[in-house]
Protein backbone atom coordinates (compact mmCIF):
# COMPACT_ATOMS: atom_id res chain seq x y z
CA MET A 1 -1.57 -29.91 18.45
CA ASP A 2 -4.37 -30.72 20.89
CA SER A 3 -7.32 -32.18 18.97
CA ALA A 4 -9.63 -31.05 21.75
CA ALA A 5 -8.69 -27.44 21.03
CA TRP A 6 -8.54 -27.57 17.23
CA GLU A 7 -10.67 -28.85 14.38
CA VAL A 8 -9.14 -29.81 11.02
CA ARG A 9 -11.48 -28.95 8.16
CA ASP A 10 -11.34 -30.02 4.54
CA TYR A 11 -12.22 -27.03 2.39
CA GLY A 12 -11.59 -28.36 -1.11
CA VAL A 13 -9.18 -30.21 -3.38
CA LEU A 14 -6.99 -29.29 -6.32
CA SER A 15 -8.25 -30.61 -9.64
CA VAL A 16 -4.75 -31.57 -10.80
CA ASN A 17 -5.07 -34.58 -8.47
CA PRO A 18 -8.00 -34.41 -6.01
CA SER A 19 -6.92 -37.44 -4.01
CA LEU A 20 -3.35 -36.21 -3.59
CA TYR A 21 -3.96 -32.50 -2.95
CA PRO A 22 -6.71 -31.91 -0.39
CA LEU A 23 -6.98 -28.42 1.08
CA LYS A 24 -7.07 -28.32 4.87
CA ALA A 25 -7.62 -25.62 7.45
CA VAL A 26 -7.28 -25.68 11.22
CA VAL A 27 -9.93 -23.83 13.25
CA SER A 28 -10.07 -23.22 16.99
CA ARG A 29 -12.91 -25.22 18.56
CA ASN A 30 -13.89 -22.70 21.25
CA TRP A 31 -15.37 -20.45 18.57
CA ASP A 32 -17.26 -17.47 19.90
CA ALA A 33 -19.08 -15.19 17.46
CA ALA A 34 -18.46 -12.27 19.82
CA LYS A 35 -14.65 -12.59 19.61
CA PRO A 36 -12.42 -11.06 16.92
CA THR A 37 -11.19 -13.53 14.32
CA VAL A 38 -7.63 -14.05 13.06
CA LEU A 39 -6.49 -15.66 9.80
CA VAL A 40 -3.01 -17.11 9.32
CA THR A 41 -2.00 -18.41 5.89
CA GLY A 42 1.10 -20.13 4.59
CA GLY A 43 2.24 -21.78 1.39
CA VAL A 44 0.40 -19.44 -0.97
CA HIS A 45 3.67 -19.66 -2.87
CA GLY A 46 4.56 -23.31 -2.53
CA TYR A 47 8.32 -22.91 -2.80
CA GLU A 48 8.46 -20.61 0.23
CA THR A 49 9.06 -23.36 2.75
CA SER A 50 8.92 -21.53 6.07
CA GLY A 51 5.55 -20.12 5.09
CA VAL A 52 4.16 -23.63 5.53
CA GLN A 53 6.43 -24.88 8.28
CA GLY A 54 6.21 -21.65 10.27
CA THR A 55 2.41 -21.72 10.38
CA VAL A 56 2.48 -25.37 11.44
CA LEU A 57 5.01 -24.48 14.15
CA PHE A 58 2.73 -21.67 15.32
CA LEU A 59 -0.12 -24.18 15.66
CA ALA A 60 2.09 -26.62 17.54
CA SER A 61 3.78 -24.16 19.87
CA ARG A 62 1.93 -20.88 20.42
CA ALA A 63 -1.54 -20.76 18.90
CA ALA A 64 -3.25 -22.14 21.99
CA ASP A 65 -2.01 -19.12 23.97
CA TYR A 66 -4.37 -16.90 21.97
CA THR A 67 -7.59 -18.91 21.63
CA ALA A 68 -9.19 -17.32 24.70
CA ARG A 69 -8.92 -13.92 23.01
CA PHE A 70 -9.39 -14.75 19.34
CA ASN A 71 -11.09 -17.14 16.98
CA ILE A 72 -8.19 -18.52 14.95
CA VAL A 73 -8.24 -19.92 11.41
CA VAL A 74 -5.03 -21.32 9.92
CA CYS A 75 -4.54 -22.43 6.31
CA PRO A 76 -1.02 -23.85 6.56
CA CYS A 77 -0.56 -24.81 2.90
CA VAL A 78 -2.76 -22.90 0.48
CA SER A 79 -0.88 -24.34 -2.54
CA PRO A 80 0.00 -27.97 -1.75
CA TRP A 81 0.92 -28.77 -5.37
CA GLY A 82 3.33 -25.85 -5.36
CA TYR A 83 4.79 -26.94 -2.02
CA GLU A 84 5.39 -30.50 -3.22
CA HIS A 85 6.86 -29.39 -6.56
CA VAL A 86 8.82 -26.42 -5.14
CA GLU A 87 6.98 -23.97 -7.40
CA ARG A 88 5.70 -20.42 -7.01
CA TRP A 89 3.06 -20.78 -9.71
CA ASN A 90 0.26 -23.35 -9.70
CA PRO A 91 0.00 -26.13 -12.36
CA LYS A 92 -1.60 -23.66 -14.80
CA CYS A 93 1.33 -21.20 -14.51
CA LEU A 94 -0.81 -18.77 -12.50
CA ASP A 95 0.39 -16.95 -9.40
CA PRO A 96 -2.00 -17.65 -6.49
CA ASN A 97 -0.78 -14.53 -4.68
CA ARG A 98 -2.06 -12.30 -7.44
CA SER A 99 -5.50 -13.88 -7.62
CA PHE A 100 -7.34 -13.04 -4.39
CA GLY A 101 -9.56 -10.38 -5.93
CA GLN A 102 -13.34 -10.68 -5.88
CA GLU A 103 -13.63 -11.18 -9.65
CA THR A 104 -14.05 -14.93 -10.01
CA SER A 105 -12.52 -14.86 -13.48
CA THR A 106 -9.16 -13.84 -11.98
CA GLN A 107 -9.13 -16.36 -9.13
CA THR A 108 -7.07 -19.54 -9.07
CA GLU A 109 -8.43 -22.75 -7.54
CA GLU A 110 -6.22 -22.10 -4.54
CA SER A 111 -7.50 -18.59 -3.89
CA ALA A 112 -11.14 -19.40 -4.66
CA ALA A 113 -11.09 -22.24 -2.15
CA VAL A 114 -9.78 -19.95 0.61
CA ILE A 115 -12.36 -17.28 -0.24
CA ASN A 116 -15.16 -19.86 -0.05
CA LEU A 117 -13.84 -21.21 3.25
CA LEU A 118 -13.83 -17.77 4.82
CA ALA A 119 -17.34 -17.04 3.56
CA SER A 120 -18.56 -20.25 5.21
CA LEU A 121 -17.38 -19.10 8.65
CA GLY A 122 -19.99 -16.37 8.98
CA VAL A 123 -17.51 -13.71 10.09
CA GLU A 124 -18.83 -10.31 9.04
CA GLY A 125 -16.72 -7.24 8.33
CA ALA A 126 -13.75 -5.82 10.16
CA SER A 127 -13.55 -6.02 13.94
CA ILE A 128 -13.80 -2.69 15.73
CA ASP A 129 -14.13 -3.70 19.38
CA GLY A 130 -15.29 -7.30 19.16
CA ALA A 131 -16.63 -9.58 16.45
CA GLY A 132 -15.29 -9.51 12.91
CA TRP A 133 -11.96 -9.97 11.14
CA VAL A 134 -9.17 -8.30 13.09
CA CYS A 135 -5.92 -9.76 11.73
CA HIS A 136 -4.43 -11.66 8.81
CA VAL A 137 -0.78 -12.70 8.68
CA ASP A 138 0.23 -14.24 5.34
CA CYS A 139 3.58 -16.01 5.63
CA HIS A 140 6.01 -15.82 2.70
CA GLU A 141 9.69 -15.87 1.79
CA THR A 142 11.78 -13.88 -0.67
CA THR A 143 14.27 -16.40 -2.04
CA ASP A 144 17.22 -16.25 -4.39
CA THR A 145 15.16 -18.30 -6.85
CA ASP A 146 12.86 -15.30 -7.23
CA GLU A 147 15.64 -13.82 -9.34
CA THR A 148 17.36 -16.92 -10.71
CA GLU A 149 14.16 -18.66 -11.82
CA TYR A 150 10.82 -16.92 -11.26
CA MET A 151 11.42 -13.37 -12.51
CA PRO A 152 13.15 -14.50 -15.74
CA ALA A 153 10.38 -17.06 -16.30
CA ARG A 154 7.66 -14.45 -15.75
CA ALA A 155 9.33 -12.08 -18.20
CA ALA A 156 9.57 -14.83 -20.80
CA PHE A 157 5.96 -15.89 -20.17
CA THR A 158 4.58 -12.36 -20.59
CA GLY A 159 6.99 -11.22 -23.31
CA ALA A 160 8.49 -8.55 -21.05
CA VAL A 161 12.15 -7.60 -20.71
CA TYR A 162 13.70 -9.15 -17.60
CA LYS A 163 14.97 -6.50 -15.20
CA PRO A 164 17.15 -7.83 -12.35
CA CYS A 165 16.22 -6.87 -8.79
CA ASP A 166 18.30 -7.20 -5.63
CA ILE A 167 17.09 -9.76 -3.07
CA PRO A 168 17.13 -8.17 0.41
CA ASP A 169 19.18 -10.00 3.04
CA GLY A 170 16.84 -10.26 5.99
CA PHE A 171 13.23 -10.25 7.15
CA TYR A 172 10.76 -7.61 6.03
CA LEU A 173 7.01 -6.97 5.93
CA VAL A 174 4.69 -5.90 3.14
CA GLY A 175 1.80 -3.81 4.42
CA ASP A 176 -1.23 -2.36 2.68
CA SER A 177 -0.63 1.18 1.44
CA LEU A 178 -4.33 1.97 2.06
CA GLN A 179 -4.05 0.85 5.72
CA PRO A 180 -0.45 1.53 6.79
CA GLN A 181 -0.83 0.58 10.50
CA THR A 182 2.58 1.90 11.45
CA ALA A 183 2.56 0.91 15.13
CA PHE A 184 1.37 -2.60 14.27
CA HIS A 185 4.23 -3.16 11.85
CA THR A 186 6.73 -1.67 14.31
CA ASP A 187 5.71 -4.21 16.94
CA VAL A 188 5.85 -7.14 14.50
CA ILE A 189 9.35 -6.13 13.39
CA ALA A 190 10.44 -5.83 17.03
CA SER A 191 9.14 -9.35 17.73
CA VAL A 192 10.98 -10.81 14.74
CA ARG A 193 14.20 -8.96 15.56
CA ALA A 194 14.65 -11.24 18.57
CA VAL A 195 14.87 -14.20 16.17
CA THR A 196 16.59 -12.95 13.00
CA HIS A 197 17.96 -9.84 11.34
CA ILE A 198 15.80 -7.25 9.60
CA ALA A 199 16.44 -6.46 5.93
CA PRO A 200 18.15 -3.11 5.37
CA ALA A 201 16.99 -0.74 2.67
CA ASP A 202 19.20 -0.36 -0.40
CA ALA A 203 21.00 2.85 -1.34
CA ALA A 204 17.78 4.22 -2.84
CA GLY A 205 15.85 3.60 0.38
CA THR A 206 13.88 0.71 -1.08
CA ILE A 207 13.28 -3.00 -0.53
CA ILE A 208 12.26 -4.98 -3.64
CA GLU A 209 12.15 -1.59 -5.39
CA GLU A 210 9.44 -0.30 -3.04
CA PRO A 211 10.17 2.68 -0.74
CA ILE A 212 10.40 1.67 2.91
CA THR A 213 7.79 3.18 5.23
CA GLN A 214 9.89 2.32 8.29
CA GLU A 215 12.69 -0.12 9.01
CA GLY A 216 11.90 -3.46 7.39
CA VAL A 217 8.48 -2.44 6.04
CA VAL A 218 7.18 -1.56 2.58
CA ALA A 219 3.59 -0.95 1.51
CA VAL A 220 1.70 -1.81 -1.67
CA PRO A 221 -1.99 -1.67 -2.73
CA ALA A 222 -2.73 -5.21 -1.58
CA ALA A 223 -6.30 -5.53 -2.88
CA LYS A 224 -5.47 -4.02 -6.26
CA LEU A 225 -2.68 -6.58 -6.68
CA GLY A 226 -4.91 -9.46 -5.57
CA LEU A 227 -2.64 -10.38 -2.66
CA CYS A 228 -3.74 -13.00 -0.16
CA ALA A 229 -3.25 -10.48 2.66
CA SER A 230 -6.25 -8.55 1.29
CA VAL A 231 -8.68 -11.50 1.42
CA THR A 232 -10.31 -10.32 4.67
CA PRO A 233 -11.30 -6.79 5.71
CA ALA A 234 -9.06 -7.08 8.78
CA THR A 235 -7.54 -3.80 9.93
CA PHE A 236 -4.27 -5.47 10.88
CA ALA A 237 -3.01 -7.37 7.83
CA THR A 238 0.49 -7.99 6.57
CA THR A 239 2.64 -10.27 4.44
CA THR A 240 5.81 -11.62 6.01
CA GLU A 241 8.98 -12.08 3.95
CA VAL A 242 11.75 -14.28 5.31
CA TYR A 243 15.10 -14.64 3.50
CA PRO A 244 16.09 -18.33 3.84
CA ASP A 245 19.18 -18.07 1.62
CA SER A 246 21.03 -15.74 3.96
CA PRO A 247 24.24 -17.17 5.46
CA LEU A 248 23.15 -15.57 8.73
CA VAL A 249 20.12 -17.80 9.33
CA THR A 250 19.14 -21.45 9.64
CA ASP A 251 15.96 -23.12 8.44
CA ALA A 252 14.81 -23.30 12.07
CA GLN A 253 15.30 -19.55 12.49
CA CYS A 254 13.20 -18.93 9.38
CA ASN A 255 10.35 -20.96 10.87
CA ASP A 256 10.80 -19.20 14.22
CA ALA A 257 10.68 -15.82 12.47
CA GLN A 258 7.25 -16.66 11.05
CA VAL A 259 6.01 -17.59 14.52
CA ALA A 260 7.48 -14.39 15.96
CA ALA A 261 5.69 -12.34 13.31
CA ILE A 262 2.34 -13.98 14.06
CA THR A 263 2.69 -13.67 17.82
CA GLY A 264 3.99 -10.11 17.49
CA ALA A 265 0.88 -9.24 15.50
CA LEU A 266 -1.48 -10.83 18.04
CA ASP A 267 0.36 -9.30 20.99
CA HIS A 268 0.04 -5.84 19.41
CA ILE A 269 -3.69 -6.28 18.89
CA SER A 270 -4.11 -7.61 22.43
CA LYS A 271 -2.30 -4.53 23.74
CA VAL A 272 -4.19 -1.91 21.78
CA ARG A 273 -7.57 -3.60 22.26
CA GLY A 274 -7.02 -4.41 25.94
CA LEU A 275 -7.62 -8.14 25.37
């Protein structure tokens, strides 16, 4: 990563160990308030490895290709404690990816720090033709441990009955049901398909028990659920889901799939906006 093109910013620390868990973002230096702004996040769930490594790979390999068109902000590891301890939850047994709402009482340290960072950038509203938030790609994985560890633990923690769910074999996207952006998701899936296979729907036409809206895409009310992908007002926002436990992929392909999703998103926006 060229230090002349990128600035590394500290935007907070985690109280569990402030010296060990600083929060860092990477921001393009040639910032222009008239350009649309892009957010890329990884490691919101710490145990989803390619979410972190894929965003770092994007910075190292492709991000510079887009800085003339976009202001770019990357938070490669939103939950560094979770990444180090291979955990989905944070140290307080809270899920950072359900805590990005505007009510401060529901925010985790991890989400609040990102929200404060974004507020400090002075980017206003959604981009229509120029300035504003245009895109957010939040990089995740759906792993076998979702079912073997996390879902049973969540049921036990909340007193609910554990209901098994099939883990889809392949890559898929989670869009916002209030902003479907069908063509955008089609282009991101097409970009990823060159790297890895796309998750098929089950016999009921669902992925993770959500009806597919097109091949490899489901949609949920992102803001209502407090998902990280709702943290900006960007029109083009999505959550990626890589399946690292598939026998059909390698760790490198998982990282490459995250990069392909990010570049597919930015290429789509460049095409439709004429950038």
